[in-house]
Protein backbone atom coordinates (compact mmCIF):
# COMPACT_ATOMS: atom_id res chain seq x y z
CA UNK A 1 128.43 70.01 -66.98
CA UNK A 2 125.44 72.27 -67.53
CA UNK A 3 123.08 71.45 -70.69
CA UNK A 4 122.86 74.25 -73.28
CA UNK A 5 120.33 76.11 -73.42
CA UNK A 6 118.48 76.00 -77.17
CA UNK A 7 115.17 77.54 -78.58
CA UNK A 8 113.43 77.13 -81.47
CA UNK A 9 110.86 79.66 -82.02
CA UNK A 10 108.40 79.27 -84.55
CA UNK A 11 105.91 82.19 -85.75
CA UNK A 12 104.95 81.79 -89.31
CA UNK A 13 100.96 80.23 -89.84
CA UNK A 14 101.17 76.69 -89.78
CA UNK A 15 97.48 77.04 -91.74
CA UNK A 16 100.14 78.50 -94.79
CA UNK A 17 102.98 76.48 -94.72
CA UNK A 18 104.87 74.07 -92.97
CA UNK A 19 107.46 76.34 -90.67
CA UNK A 20 106.52 75.07 -87.90
CA UNK A 21 105.96 71.45 -88.39
CA UNK A 22 110.21 71.73 -89.04
CA UNK A 23 110.23 73.34 -85.49
CA UNK A 24 108.35 70.21 -83.95
CA UNK A 25 110.64 67.62 -86.11
CA UNK A 26 113.12 69.98 -85.71
CA UNK A 27 113.12 70.34 -81.19
CA UNK A 28 112.08 66.51 -81.62
CA UNK A 29 115.53 65.85 -83.22
CA UNK A 30 117.90 67.70 -80.70
CA UNK A 31 115.88 66.53 -77.71
CA UNK A 32 117.55 62.91 -77.80
CA UNK A 33 120.91 65.02 -77.13
CA UNK A 34 121.50 64.45 -73.33
CA UNK A 35 124.09 68.09 -73.04
CA UNK A 36 120.73 70.14 -75.04
CA UNK A 37 117.95 71.94 -72.63
CA UNK A 38 115.27 72.02 -76.13
CA UNK A 39 112.33 74.60 -75.16
CA UNK A 40 109.78 75.37 -78.69
CA UNK A 41 108.31 78.75 -78.40
CA UNK A 42 104.90 80.17 -80.32
CA UNK A 43 104.92 83.11 -81.59
CA UNK A 44 102.94 85.55 -83.74
CA UNK A 45 100.53 84.10 -86.00
CA UNK A 46 101.51 80.34 -84.36
CA UNK A 47 100.52 81.33 -81.35
CA UNK A 48 97.85 82.85 -82.99
CA UNK A 49 96.40 78.82 -84.47
CA UNK A 50 97.78 77.50 -81.23
CA UNK A 51 94.90 79.72 -79.93
CA UNK A 52 92.40 79.09 -81.90
CA UNK A 53 92.44 75.80 -82.75
CA UNK A 54 93.17 75.59 -78.81
CA UNK A 55 96.31 72.38 -80.04
CA UNK A 56 96.95 71.59 -83.23
CA UNK A 57 94.80 71.21 -86.04
CA UNK A 58 94.95 67.98 -88.39
CA UNK A 59 93.92 70.67 -91.40
CA UNK A 60 97.48 72.43 -90.90
CA UNK A 61 100.67 72.08 -93.11
CA UNK A 62 101.44 68.25 -92.42
CA UNK A 63 99.52 67.86 -89.23
CA UNK A 64 99.64 64.80 -88.81
CA UNK A 65 103.88 65.69 -88.70
CA UNK A 66 102.71 68.04 -86.46
CA UNK A 67 100.46 65.68 -83.90
CA UNK A 68 103.66 63.10 -84.03
CA UNK A 69 106.46 65.13 -82.85
CA UNK A 70 104.23 66.59 -80.29
CA UNK A 71 103.38 63.39 -78.70
CA UNK A 72 107.72 62.76 -78.92
CA UNK A 73 108.38 65.75 -76.76
CA UNK A 74 105.34 65.52 -74.28
CA UNK A 75 107.03 61.80 -73.83
CA UNK A 76 110.32 63.49 -73.47
CA UNK A 77 109.26 66.37 -70.99
CA UNK A 78 110.18 68.63 -73.70
CA UNK A 79 108.27 72.50 -73.14
CA UNK A 80 106.08 74.06 -75.39
CA UNK A 81 105.28 77.43 -74.97
CA UNK A 82 103.22 79.28 -76.72
CA UNK A 83 103.81 82.90 -76.13
CA UNK A 84 100.57 84.94 -75.22
CA UNK A 85 97.26 84.95 -72.63
CA UNK A 86 96.81 82.52 -70.79
CA UNK A 87 94.04 79.90 -71.85
CA UNK A 88 92.71 77.42 -70.52
CA UNK A 89 92.01 75.58 -73.24
CA UNK A 90 95.69 75.36 -74.32
CA UNK A 91 97.13 74.46 -70.37
CA UNK A 92 94.21 71.83 -70.46
CA UNK A 93 96.09 70.25 -73.68
CA UNK A 94 99.90 70.23 -72.00
CA UNK A 95 100.28 73.61 -73.40
CA UNK A 96 102.18 76.22 -71.30
CA UNK A 97 101.42 80.05 -72.06
CA UNK A 98 103.94 82.15 -71.89
CA UNK A 99 103.68 85.18 -70.16
CA UNK A 100 105.62 88.68 -72.01
CA UNK A 101 108.10 88.64 -69.82
CA UNK A 102 109.06 84.84 -69.85
CA UNK A 103 108.93 84.28 -73.12
CA UNK A 104 111.42 87.44 -73.52
CA UNK A 105 113.74 85.30 -70.51
CA UNK A 106 113.28 82.31 -72.63
CA UNK A 107 115.19 84.19 -75.65
CA UNK A 108 117.52 86.34 -73.31
CA UNK A 109 118.65 82.62 -71.69
CA UNK A 110 119.32 80.72 -74.71
CA UNK A 111 122.60 80.13 -75.84
CA UNK A 112 121.09 79.07 -79.52
CA UNK A 113 117.95 80.33 -81.08
CA UNK A 114 116.78 79.15 -83.73
CA UNK A 115 113.91 80.36 -85.97
CA UNK A 116 111.29 79.55 -88.23
């Protein structure tokens, strides 16, 4: 049976609120289900914040939760994509950057898209 593709799309600014942290929490929870193929895509203000910090910051809203859930997602090999230019610092932090076409393909191929 083919796994159902679920994309969690976070566009809000993690410095201003906890929606990105919630996206990480939900991705962590969904990733346990064997029948789901989960991916997380950061766009807009979320992508910009990640690019500026070259990853996560404890100073953000629920930064500790973000770090905890990112660690769990990495252990389960759940992809985290940041839309925009490829940045060496993000790649070194284990964060893939999504080219514009790749980000659109993630959206198009997902059976379910959950926006935060």
